[in-house]
PDB file of all heavy atoms in Angstrom:
ATOM      1  N   ILE A   1       0.832  -1.203   0.000  1.00  0.00           N
ATOM      2  CA  ILE A   1       0.000   0.000   0.000  1.00  0.00           C
ATOM      3  C   ILE A   1       0.869   1.257   0.000  1.00  0.00           C
ATOM      4  O   ILE A   1       1.848   1.351   0.731  1.00  0.00           O
ATOM      5  CB  ILE A   1      -0.907   0.008   1.244  1.00  0.00           C
ATOM      6  CG1 ILE A   1      -1.926  -1.136   1.158  1.00  0.00           C
ATOM      7  CG2 ILE A   1      -1.627   1.351   1.392  1.00  0.00           C
ATOM      8  CD1 ILE A   1      -2.720  -1.328   2.441  1.00  0.00           C
ATOM      9  N   CYS A   2       0.472   2.231  -0.826  1.00  0.00           N
ATOM     10  CA  CYS A   2       1.135   3.543  -0.789  1.00  0.00           C
ATOM     11  C   CYS A   2       0.133   4.675  -0.508  1.00  0.00           C
ATOM     12  O   CYS A   2       0.539   5.828  -0.353  1.00  0.00           O
ATOM     13  CB  CYS A   2       1.918   3.815  -2.076  1.00  0.00           C
ATOM     14  SG  CYS A   2       0.964   3.767  -3.592  1.00  0.00           S
ATOM     15  N   GLN A   3      -1.157   4.358  -0.454  1.00  0.00           N
ATOM     16  CA  GLN A   3      -2.171   5.322  -0.020  1.00  0.00           C
ATOM     17  C   GLN A   3      -3.329   4.564   0.601  1.00  0.00           C
ATOM     18  O   GLN A   3      -3.835   3.588   0.029  1.00  0.00           O
ATOM     19  CB  GLN A   3      -2.687   6.178  -1.186  1.00  0.00           C
ATOM     20  CG  GLN A   3      -3.663   7.276  -0.743  1.00  0.00           C
ATOM     21  CD  GLN A   3      -4.242   8.064  -1.910  1.00  0.00           C
ATOM     22  OE1 GLN A   3      -4.106   7.667  -3.068  1.00  0.00           O
ATOM     23  NE2 GLN A   3      -4.890   9.184  -1.624  1.00  0.00           N
ATOM     24  N   LEU A   4      -3.744   5.006   1.773  1.00  0.00           N
ATOM     25  CA  LEU A   4      -4.883   4.418   2.481  1.00  0.00           C
ATOM     26  C   LEU A   4      -5.890   5.519   2.765  1.00  0.00           C
ATOM     27  O   LEU A   4      -5.552   6.517   3.398  1.00  0.00           O
ATOM     28  CB  LEU A   4      -4.420   3.773   3.789  1.00  0.00           C
ATOM     29  CG  LEU A   4      -5.522   3.290   4.746  1.00  0.00           C
ATOM     30  CD1 LEU A   4      -6.359   2.191   4.105  1.00  0.00           C
ATOM     31  CD2 LEU A   4      -4.914   2.817   6.073  1.00  0.00           C
ATOM     32  N   SER A   5      -7.120   5.330   2.291  1.00  0.00           N
ATOM     33  CA  SER A   5      -8.156   6.337   2.490  1.00  0.00           C
ATOM     34  C   SER A   5      -9.458   5.671   2.891  1.00  0.00           C
ATOM     35  O   SER A   5      -9.800   4.604   2.369  1.00  0.00           O
ATOM     36  CB  SER A   5      -8.384   7.154   1.211  1.00  0.00           C
ATOM     37  OG  SER A   5      -7.209   7.817   0.806  1.00  0.00           O
ATOM     38  N   PHE A   6     -10.177   6.305   3.799  1.00  0.00           N
ATOM     39  CA  PHE A   6     -11.513   5.811   4.118  1.00  0.00           C
ATOM     40  C   PHE A   6     -12.355   6.909   4.771  1.00  0.00           C
ATOM     41  O   PHE A   6     -11.835   7.865   5.355  1.00  0.00           O
ATOM     42  CB  PHE A   6     -11.468   4.565   5.011  1.00  0.00           C
ATOM     43  CG  PHE A   6     -10.800   4.734   6.350  1.00  0.00           C
ATOM     44  CD1 PHE A   6     -11.533   5.101   7.467  1.00  0.00           C
ATOM     45  CD2 PHE A   6      -9.438   4.494   6.506  1.00  0.00           C
ATOM     46  CE1 PHE A   6     -10.926   5.241   8.714  1.00  0.00           C
ATOM     47  CE2 PHE A   6      -8.825   4.612   7.740  1.00  0.00           C
ATOM     48  CZ  PHE A   6      -9.572   4.994   8.854  1.00  0.00           C
ATOM     49  N   LEU A   7     -13.657   6.758   4.611  1.00  0.00           N
ATOM     50  CA  LEU A   7     -14.639   7.608   5.264  1.00  0.00           C
ATOM     51  C   LEU A   7     -15.292   6.807   6.383  1.00  0.00           C
ATOM     52  O   LEU A   7     -15.481   5.592   6.260  1.00  0.00           O
ATOM     53  CB  LEU A   7     -15.722   8.054   4.285  1.00  0.00           C
ATOM     54  CG  LEU A   7     -15.286   8.738   2.989  1.00  0.00           C
ATOM     55  CD1 LEU A   7     -16.506   9.014   2.122  1.00  0.00           C
ATOM     56  CD2 LEU A   7     -14.529  10.019   3.286  1.00  0.00           C
ATOM     57  N   VAL A   8     -15.659   7.484   7.441  1.00  0.00           N
ATOM     58  CA  VAL A   8     -16.455   6.875   8.500  1.00  0.00           C
ATOM     59  C   VAL A   8     -17.828   7.523   8.458  1.00  0.00           C
ATOM     60  O   VAL A   8     -17.964   8.739   8.650  1.00  0.00           O
ATOM     61  CB  VAL A   8     -15.810   7.067   9.885  1.00  0.00           C
ATOM     62  CG1 VAL A   8     -16.669   6.404  10.959  1.00  0.00           C
ATOM     63  CG2 VAL A   8     -14.392   6.495   9.900  1.00  0.00           C
ATOM     64  N   LEU A   9     -18.848   6.703   8.192  1.00  0.00           N
ATOM     65  CA  LEU A   9     -20.224   7.187   8.099  1.00  0.00           C
ATOM     66  C   LEU A   9     -21.020   6.707   9.301  1.00  0.00           C
ATOM     67  O   LEU A   9     -20.744   5.644   9.868  1.00  0.00           O
ATOM     68  CB  LEU A   9     -20.901   6.662   6.825  1.00  0.00           C
ATOM     69  CG  LEU A   9     -20.138   6.739   5.498  1.00  0.00           C
ATOM     70  CD1 LEU A   9     -21.017   6.165   4.378  1.00  0.00           C
ATOM     71  CD2 LEU A   9     -19.720   8.154   5.183  1.00  0.00           C
ATOM     72  N   ASN A  10     -22.048   7.482   9.655  1.00  0.00           N
ATOM     73  CA  ASN A  10     -22.990   6.995  10.647  1.00  0.00           C
ATOM     74  C   ASN A  10     -24.129   6.258   9.942  1.00  0.00           C
ATOM     75  O   ASN A  10     -24.098   6.071   8.724  1.00  0.00           O
ATOM     76  CB  ASN A  10     -23.505   8.135  11.533  1.00  0.00           C
ATOM     77  CG  ASN A  10     -24.229   9.219  10.726  1.00  0.00           C
ATOM     78  OD1 ASN A  10     -24.787   8.956   9.655  1.00  0.00           O
ATOM     79  ND2 ASN A  10     -24.210  10.436  11.244  1.00  0.00           N
ATOM     80  N   GLU A  11     -25.127   5.866  10.678  1.00  0.00           N
ATOM     81  CA  GLU A  11     -26.200   5.050  10.110  1.00  0.00           C
ATOM     82  C   GLU A  11     -27.075   5.828   9.144  1.00  0.00           C
ATOM     83  O   GLU A  11     -27.838   5.229   8.374  1.00  0.00           O
ATOM     84  CB  GLU A  11     -27.052   4.455  11.240  1.00  0.00           C
ATOM     85  CG  GLU A  11     -26.285   3.472  12.099  1.00  0.00           C
ATOM     86  CD  GLU A  11     -27.144   2.827  13.168  1.00  0.00           C
ATOM     87  OE1 GLU A  11     -28.374   2.710  12.955  1.00  0.00           O
ATOM     88  OE2 GLU A  11     -26.602   2.431  14.212  1.00  0.00           O
ATOM     89  N   GLU A  12     -26.972   7.140   9.146  1.00  0.00           N
ATOM     90  CA  GLU A  12     -27.701   7.974   8.183  1.00  0.00           C
ATOM     91  C   GLU A  12     -26.828   8.312   6.972  1.00  0.00           C
ATOM     92  O   GLU A  12     -27.183   9.158   6.160  1.00  0.00           O
ATOM     93  CB  GLU A  12     -28.170   9.272   8.855  1.00  0.00           C
ATOM     94  CG  GLU A  12     -29.345   9.089   9.807  1.00  0.00           C
ATOM     95  CD  GLU A  12     -28.966   8.370  11.088  1.00  0.00           C
ATOM     96  OE1 GLU A  12     -27.910   8.726  11.664  1.00  0.00           O
ATOM     97  OE2 GLU A  12     -29.701   7.455  11.505  1.00  0.00           O
ATOM     98  N   PHE A  13     -25.656   7.666   6.876  1.00  0.00           N
ATOM     99  CA  PHE A  13     -24.699   7.855   5.785  1.00  0.00           C
ATOM    100  C   PHE A  13     -24.042   9.238   5.805  1.00  0.00           C
ATOM    101  O   PHE A  13     -23.507   9.685   4.792  1.00  0.00           O
ATOM    102  CB  PHE A  13     -25.343   7.616   4.412  1.00  0.00           C
ATOM    103  CG  PHE A  13     -25.971   6.254   4.256  1.00  0.00           C
ATOM    104  CD1 PHE A  13     -27.092   6.085   3.464  1.00  0.00           C
ATOM    105  CD2 PHE A  13     -25.459   5.147   4.912  1.00  0.00           C
ATOM    106  CE1 PHE A  13     -27.686   4.840   3.320  1.00  0.00           C
ATOM    107  CE2 PHE A  13     -26.036   3.896   4.774  1.00  0.00           C
ATOM    108  CZ  PHE A  13     -27.154   3.744   3.985  1.00  0.00           C
ATOM    109  N   GLU A  14     -24.087   9.896   6.942  1.00  0.00           N
ATOM    110  CA  GLU A  14     -23.406  11.178   7.086  1.00  0.00           C
ATOM    111  C   GLU A  14     -21.934  10.926   7.391  1.00  0.00           C
ATOM    112  O   GLU A  14     -21.585  10.013   8.146  1.00  0.00           O
ATOM    113  CB  GLU A  14     -24.032  11.994   8.221  1.00  0.00           C
ATOM    114  CG  GLU A  14     -25.488  12.344   7.994  1.00  0.00           C
ATOM    115  CD  GLU A  14     -26.159  12.898   9.247  1.00  0.00           C
ATOM    116  OE1 GLU A  14     -25.741  12.538  10.377  1.00  0.00           O
ATOM    117  OE2 GLU A  14     -27.109  13.680   9.088  1.00  0.00           O
ATOM    118  N   ILE A  15     -21.065  11.744   6.794  1.00  0.00           N
ATOM    119  CA  ILE A  15     -19.624  11.581   6.990  1.00  0.00           C
ATOM    120  C   ILE A  15     -19.219  12.167   8.335  1.00  0.00           C
ATOM    121  O   ILE A  15     -19.398  13.358   8.591  1.00  0.00           O
ATOM    122  CB  ILE A  15     -18.838  12.255   5.856  1.00  0.00           C
ATOM    123  CG1 ILE A  15     -19.173  11.610   4.515  1.00  0.00           C
ATOM    124  CG2 ILE A  15     -17.334  12.157   6.119  1.00  0.00           C
ATOM    125  CD1 ILE A  15     -18.521  12.287   3.322  1.00  0.00           C
ATOM    126  N   GLU A  16     -18.674  11.318   9.196  1.00  0.00           N
ATOM    127  CA  GLU A  16     -18.194  11.772  10.499  1.00  0.00           C
ATOM    128  C   GLU A  16     -16.686  11.954  10.525  1.00  0.00           C
ATOM    129  O   GLU A  16     -16.175  12.787  11.273  1.00  0.00           O
ATOM    130  CB  GLU A  16     -18.604  10.768  11.578  1.00  0.00           C
ATOM    131  CG  GLU A  16     -20.114  10.685  11.788  1.00  0.00           C
ATOM    132  CD  GLU A  16     -20.488   9.800  12.957  1.00  0.00           C
ATOM    133  OE1 GLU A  16     -19.630   8.998  13.397  1.00  0.00           O
ATOM    134  OE2 GLU A  16     -21.625   9.907  13.439  1.00  0.00           O
ATOM    135  N   GLU A  17     -15.968  11.165   9.708  1.00  0.00           N
ATOM    136  CA  GLU A  17     -14.509  11.256   9.685  1.00  0.00           C
ATOM    137  C   GLU A  17     -14.010  11.038   8.263  1.00  0.00           C
ATOM    138  O   GLU A  17     -14.595  10.256   7.504  1.00  0.00           O
ATOM    139  CB  GLU A  17     -13.869  10.189  10.590  1.00  0.00           C
ATOM    140  CG  GLU A  17     -14.279  10.257  12.048  1.00  0.00           C
ATOM    141  CD  GLU A  17     -13.715   9.089  12.844  1.00  0.00           C
ATOM    142  OE1 GLU A  17     -12.576   8.634  12.519  1.00  0.00           O
ATOM    143  OE2 GLU A  17     -14.395   8.620  13.774  1.00  0.00           O
ATOM    144  N   VAL A  18     -12.927  11.722   7.915  1.00  0.00           N
ATOM    145  CA  VAL A  18     -12.243  11.531   6.636  1.00  0.00           C
ATOM    146  C   VAL A  18     -10.786  11.211   6.930  1.00  0.00           C
ATOM    147  O   VAL A  18     -10.108  11.970   7.630  1.00  0.00           O
ATOM    148  CB  VAL A  18     -12.326  12.786   5.744  1.00  0.00           C
ATOM    149  CG1 VAL A  18     -11.582  12.553   4.429  1.00  0.00           C
ATOM    150  CG2 VAL A  18     -13.775  13.169   5.476  1.00  0.00           C
ATOM    151  N   HIS A  19     -10.306  10.100   6.400  1.00  0.00           N
ATOM    152  CA  HIS A  19      -8.911   9.705   6.614  1.00  0.00           C
ATOM    153  C   HIS A  19      -8.254   9.463   5.260  1.00  0.00           C
ATOM    154  O   HIS A  19      -8.776   8.716   4.427  1.00  0.00           O
ATOM    155  CB  HIS A  19      -8.838   8.434   7.462  1.00  0.00           C
ATOM    156  CG  HIS A  19      -9.387   8.610   8.838  1.00  0.00           C
ATOM    157  ND1 HIS A  19      -8.626   9.101   9.884  1.00  0.00           N
ATOM    158  CD2 HIS A  19     -10.637   8.393   9.335  1.00  0.00           C
ATOM    159  CE1 HIS A  19      -9.383   9.174  10.971  1.00  0.00           C
ATOM    160  NE2 HIS A  19     -10.604   8.740  10.672  1.00  0.00           N
ATOM    161  N   ASP A  20      -7.122  10.103   5.064  1.00  0.00           N
ATOM    162  CA  ASP A  20      -6.399   9.982   3.793  1.00  0.00           C
ATOM    163  C   ASP A  20      -4.914  10.078   4.086  1.00  0.00           C
ATOM    164  O   ASP A  20      -4.447  11.110   4.572  1.00  0.00           O
ATOM    165  CB  ASP A  20      -6.837  11.073   2.817  1.00  0.00           C
ATOM    166  CG  ASP A  20      -6.113  10.994   1.490  1.00  0.00           C
ATOM    167  OD1 ASP A  20      -5.891   9.849   1.016  1.00  0.00           O
ATOM    168  OD2 ASP A  20      -5.777  12.043   0.919  1.00  0.00           O
ATOM    169  N   ALA A  21      -4.174   9.011   3.809  1.00  0.00           N
ATOM    170  CA  ALA A  21      -2.758   8.986   4.165  1.00  0.00           C
ATOM    171  C   ALA A  21      -1.922   8.410   3.032  1.00  0.00           C
ATOM    172  O   ALA A  21      -2.176   7.292   2.573  1.00  0.00           O
ATOM    173  CB  ALA A  21      -2.548   8.165   5.426  1.00  0.00           C
ATOM    174  N   LEU A  22      -0.943   9.186   2.593  1.00  0.00           N
ATOM    175  CA  LEU A  22       0.113   8.622   1.757  1.00  0.00           C
ATOM    176  C   LEU A  22       1.102   7.924   2.678  1.00  0.00           C
ATOM    177  O   LEU A  22       1.339   8.377   3.813  1.00  0.00           O
ATOM    178  CB  LEU A  22       0.819   9.721   0.971  1.00  0.00           C
ATOM    179  CG  LEU A  22       0.025  10.384  -0.160  1.00  0.00           C
ATOM    180  CD1 LEU A  22       0.810  11.565  -0.724  1.00  0.00           C
ATOM    181  CD2 LEU A  22      -0.308   9.389  -1.251  1.00  0.00           C
ATOM    182  N   CYS A  23       1.669   6.830   2.230  1.00  0.00           N
ATOM    183  CA  CYS A  23       2.620   6.113   3.068  1.00  0.00           C
ATOM    184  C   CYS A  23       3.739   5.539   2.207  1.00  0.00           C
ATOM    185  O   CYS A  23       3.555   5.307   1.005  1.00  0.00           O
ATOM    186  CB  CYS A  23       1.936   5.008   3.866  1.00  0.00           C
ATOM    187  SG  CYS A  23       0.798   3.980   2.941  1.00  0.00           S
ATOM    188  N   LYS A  24       4.879   5.345   2.826  1.00  0.00           N
ATOM    189  CA  LYS A  24       6.042   4.859   2.096  1.00  0.00           C
ATOM    190  C   LYS A  24       6.116   3.344   2.201  1.00  0.00           C
ATOM    191  O   LYS A  24       6.340   2.799   3.286  1.00  0.00           O
ATOM    192  CB  LYS A  24       7.321   5.490   2.629  1.00  0.00           C
ATOM    193  CG  LYS A  24       8.522   5.215   1.740  1.00  0.00           C
ATOM    194  CD  LYS A  24       9.652   6.172   1.993  1.00  0.00           C
ATOM    195  CE  LYS A  24      10.771   5.947   0.975  1.00  0.00           C
ATOM    196  NZ  LYS A  24      11.876   6.908   1.153  1.00  0.00           N
ATOM    197  N   PRO A  25       5.955   2.645   1.094  1.00  0.00           N
ATOM    198  CA  PRO A  25       6.011   1.181   1.111  1.00  0.00           C
ATOM    199  C   PRO A  25       7.453   0.695   1.119  1.00  0.00           C
ATOM    200  O   PRO A  25       8.383   1.459   0.844  1.00  0.00           O
ATOM    201  CB  PRO A  25       5.309   0.798  -0.191  1.00  0.00           C
ATOM    202  CG  PRO A  25       5.585   1.960  -1.105  1.00  0.00           C
ATOM    203  CD  PRO A  25       5.640   3.183  -0.231  1.00  0.00           C
ATOM    204  N   PRO A  26       7.668  -0.588   1.403  1.00  0.00           N
ATOM    205  CA  PRO A  26       9.026  -1.123   1.466  1.00  0.00           C
ATOM    206  C   PRO A  26       9.611  -1.496   0.114  1.00  0.00           C
ATOM    207  O   PRO A  26      10.668  -2.136   0.069  1.00  0.00           O
ATOM    208  CB  PRO A  26       8.852  -2.371   2.344  1.00  0.00           C
ATOM    209  CG  PRO A  26       7.465  -2.814   2.079  1.00  0.00           C
ATOM    210  CD  PRO A  26       6.665  -1.565   1.878  1.00  0.00           C
ATOM    211  N   LEU A  27       8.944  -1.112  -0.979  1.00  0.00           N
ATOM    212  CA  LEU A  27       9.484  -1.355  -2.313  1.00  0.00           C
ATOM    213  C   LEU A  27       9.026  -0.228  -3.237  1.00  0.00           C
ATOM    214  O   LEU A  27       8.063   0.485  -2.927  1.00  0.00           O
ATOM    215  CB  LEU A  27       9.039  -2.711  -2.861  1.00  0.00           C
ATOM    216  CG  LEU A  27       7.582  -2.890  -3.317  1.00  0.00           C
ATOM    217  CD1 LEU A  27       7.450  -4.155  -4.144  1.00  0.00           C
ATOM    218  CD2 LEU A  27       6.627  -2.938  -2.145  1.00  0.00           C
ATOM    219  N   PRO A  28       9.692  -0.044  -4.370  1.00  0.00           N
ATOM    220  CA  PRO A  28       9.340   1.061  -5.263  1.00  0.00           C
ATOM    221  C   PRO A  28       7.955   0.895  -5.878  1.00  0.00           C
ATOM    222  O   PRO A  28       7.456  -0.228  -6.047  1.00  0.00           O
ATOM    223  CB  PRO A  28      10.427   0.996  -6.348  1.00  0.00           C
ATOM    224  CG  PRO A  28      11.529   0.180  -5.768  1.00  0.00           C
ATOM    225  CD  PRO A  28      10.881  -0.788  -4.832  1.00  0.00           C
ATOM    226  N   ILE A  29       7.331   2.012  -6.215  1.00  0.00           N
ATOM    227  CA  ILE A  29       6.069   1.992  -6.947  1.00  0.00           C
ATOM    228  C   ILE A  29       6.374   1.677  -8.407  1.00  0.00           C
ATOM    229  O   ILE A  29       7.256   2.287  -9.015  1.00  0.00           O
ATOM    230  CB  ILE A  29       5.348   3.347  -6.844  1.00  0.00           C
ATOM    231  CG1 ILE A  29       5.094   3.708  -5.384  1.00  0.00           C
ATOM    232  CG2 ILE A  29       4.029   3.315  -7.622  1.00  0.00           C
ATOM    233  CD1 ILE A  29       4.562   5.111  -5.185  1.00  0.00           C
ATOM    234  N   SER A  30       5.653   0.735  -8.982  1.00  0.00           N
ATOM    235  CA  SER A  30       5.891   0.387 -10.382  1.00  0.00           C
ATOM    236  C   SER A  30       5.410   1.513 -11.288  1.00  0.00           C
ATOM    237  O   SER A  30       4.515   2.283 -10.936  1.00  0.00           O
ATOM    238  CB  SER A  30       5.154  -0.913 -10.745  1.00  0.00           C
ATOM    239  OG  SER A  30       3.755  -0.708 -10.755  1.00  0.00           O
ATOM    240  N   TYR A  31       6.010   1.601 -12.467  1.00  0.00           N
ATOM    241  CA  TYR A  31       5.593   2.623 -13.424  1.00  0.00           C
ATOM    242  C   TYR A  31       4.156   2.390 -13.875  1.00  0.00           C
ATOM    243  O   TYR A  31       3.403   3.344 -14.134  1.00  0.00           O
ATOM    244  CB  TYR A  31       6.530   2.633 -14.633  1.00  0.00           C
ATOM    245  CG  TYR A  31       7.944   3.028 -14.281  1.00  0.00           C
ATOM    246  CD1 TYR A  31       9.015   2.208 -14.595  1.00  0.00           C
ATOM    247  CD2 TYR A  31       8.208   4.231 -13.627  1.00  0.00           C
ATOM    248  CE1 TYR A  31      10.322   2.557 -14.264  1.00  0.00           C
ATOM    249  CE2 TYR A  31       9.507   4.602 -13.290  1.00  0.00           C
ATOM    250  CZ  TYR A  31      10.558   3.752 -13.609  1.00  0.00           C
ATOM    251  OH  TYR A  31      11.840   4.113 -13.277  1.00  0.00           O
ATOM    252  N   GLU A  32       3.764   1.116 -13.965  1.00  0.00           N
ATOM    253  CA  GLU A  32       2.388   0.796 -14.349  1.00  0.00           C
ATOM    254  C   GLU A  32       1.399   1.360 -13.333  1.00  0.00           C
ATOM    255  O   GLU A  32       0.350   1.902 -13.695  1.00  0.00           O
ATOM    256  CB  GLU A  32       2.208  -0.720 -14.474  1.00  0.00           C
ATOM    257  CG  GLU A  32       2.933  -1.362 -15.637  1.00  0.00           C
ATOM    258  CD  GLU A  32       4.407  -1.624 -15.375  1.00  0.00           C
ATOM    259  OE1 GLU A  32       4.873  -1.363 -14.237  1.00  0.00           O
ATOM    260  OE2 GLU A  32       5.088  -2.101 -16.291  1.00  0.00           O
ATOM    261  N   ALA A  33       1.752   1.244 -12.037  1.00  0.00           N
ATOM    262  CA  ALA A  33       0.876   1.769 -10.990  1.00  0.00           C
ATOM    263  C   ALA A  33       0.869   3.299 -10.998  1.00  0.00           C
ATOM    264  O   ALA A  33      -0.181   3.926 -10.850  1.00  0.00           O
ATOM    265  CB  ALA A  33       1.327   1.255  -9.628  1.00  0.00           C
ATOM    266  N   MET A  34       2.048   3.905 -11.195  1.00  0.00           N
ATOM    267  CA  MET A  34       2.118   5.369 -11.269  1.00  0.00           C
ATOM    268  C   MET A  34       1.237   5.913 -12.380  1.00  0.00           C
ATOM    269  O   MET A  34       0.597   6.965 -12.234  1.00  0.00           O
ATOM    270  CB  MET A  34       3.557   5.823 -11.513  1.00  0.00           C
ATOM    271  CG  MET A  34       4.458   5.799 -10.306  1.00  0.00           C
ATOM    272  SD  MET A  34       6.054   6.581 -10.707  1.00  0.00           S
ATOM    273  CE  MET A  34       7.163   5.394  -9.995  1.00  0.00           C
ATOM    274  N   ALA A  35       1.191   5.199 -13.497  1.00  0.00           N
ATOM    275  CA  ALA A  35       0.395   5.647 -14.641  1.00  0.00           C
ATOM    276  C   ALA A  35      -1.094   5.659 -14.325  1.00  0.00           C
ATOM    277  O   ALA A  35      -1.865   6.371 -14.975  1.00  0.00           O
ATOM    278  CB  ALA A  35       0.665   4.746 -15.851  1.00  0.00           C
ATOM    279  N   ILE A  36      -1.493   4.901 -13.303  1.00  0.00           N
ATOM    280  CA  ILE A  36      -2.905   4.847 -12.924  1.00  0.00           C
ATOM    281  C   ILE A  36      -3.220   5.847 -11.814  1.00  0.00           C
ATOM    282  O   ILE A  36      -4.138   6.664 -11.939  1.00  0.00           O
ATOM    283  CB  ILE A  36      -3.273   3.418 -12.466  1.00  0.00           C
ATOM    284  CG1 ILE A  36      -3.146   2.448 -13.642  1.00  0.00           C
ATOM    285  CG2 ILE A  36      -4.690   3.379 -11.898  1.00  0.00           C
ATOM    286  CD1 ILE A  36      -3.311   0.993 -13.256  1.00  0.00           C
ATOM    287  N   HIS A  37      -2.444   5.810 -10.717  1.00  0.00           N
ATOM    288  CA  HIS A  37      -2.809   6.673  -9.578  1.00  0.00           C
ATOM    289  C   HIS A  37      -1.935   7.921  -9.447  1.00  0.00           C
ATOM    290  O   HIS A  37      -2.231   8.789  -8.626  1.00  0.00           O
ATOM    291  CB  HIS A  37      -2.807   5.887  -8.268  1.00  0.00           C
ATOM    292  CG  HIS A  37      -1.532   5.146  -7.962  1.00  0.00           C
ATOM    293  ND1 HIS A  37      -0.280   5.720  -7.978  1.00  0.00           N
ATOM    294  CD2 HIS A  37      -1.340   3.848  -7.570  1.00  0.00           C
ATOM    295  CE1 HIS A  37       0.620   4.834  -7.622  1.00  0.00           C
ATOM    296  NE2 HIS A  37       0.023   3.676  -7.385  1.00  0.00           N
ATOM    297  N   HIS A  38      -0.864   8.015 -10.222  1.00  0.00           N
ATOM    298  CA  HIS A  38      -0.020   9.216 -10.274  1.00  0.00           C
ATOM    299  C   HIS A  38       0.678   9.527  -8.949  1.00  0.00           C
ATOM    300  O   HIS A  38       1.046  10.676  -8.686  1.00  0.00           O
ATOM    301  CB  HIS A  38      -0.826  10.434 -10.742  1.00  0.00           C
ATOM    302  CG  HIS A  38      -1.588  10.204 -12.001  1.00  0.00           C
ATOM    303  ND1 HIS A  38      -0.970   9.938 -13.212  1.00  0.00           N
ATOM    304  CD2 HIS A  38      -2.928  10.170 -12.241  1.00  0.00           C
ATOM    305  CE1 HIS A  38      -1.895   9.764 -14.148  1.00  0.00           C
ATOM    306  NE2 HIS A  38      -3.087   9.886 -13.587  1.00  0.00           N
ATOM    307  N   ILE A  39       0.877   8.524  -8.119  1.00  0.00           N
ATOM    308  CA  ILE A  39       1.660   8.695  -6.901  1.00  0.00           C
ATOM    309  C   ILE A  39       3.115   8.386  -7.244  1.00  0.00           C
ATOM    310  O   ILE A  39       3.456   7.252  -7.578  1.00  0.00           O
ATOM    311  CB  ILE A  39       1.161   7.772  -5.772  1.00  0.00           C
ATOM    312  CG1 ILE A  39      -0.294   8.093  -5.433  1.00  0.00           C
ATOM    313  CG2 ILE A  39       2.041   7.920  -4.529  1.00  0.00           C
ATOM    314  CD1 ILE A  39      -0.917   7.132  -4.428  1.00  0.00           C
ATOM    315  N   THR A  40       3.958   9.379  -7.162  1.00  0.00           N
ATOM    316  CA  THR A  40       5.364   9.252  -7.541  1.00  0.00           C
ATOM    317  C   THR A  40       6.241   9.089  -6.299  1.00  0.00           C
ATOM    318  O   THR A  40       5.802   9.366  -5.168  1.00  0.00           O
ATOM    319  CB  THR A  40       5.821  10.502  -8.308  1.00  0.00           C
ATOM    320  OG1 THR A  40       5.672  11.645  -7.440  1.00  0.00           O
ATOM    321  CG2 THR A  40       4.978  10.701  -9.570  1.00  0.00           C
TER     322      THR A  40
END
């Protein structure tokens, strides 16, 4: 994983929390993956 994102909703589907984190993985990002998500 190089990005982890999630929303926390209540039972009415209202957004209570937003979490978005870039993270450094233990291996390089492939060029194929960069071409899709643009994380360099």
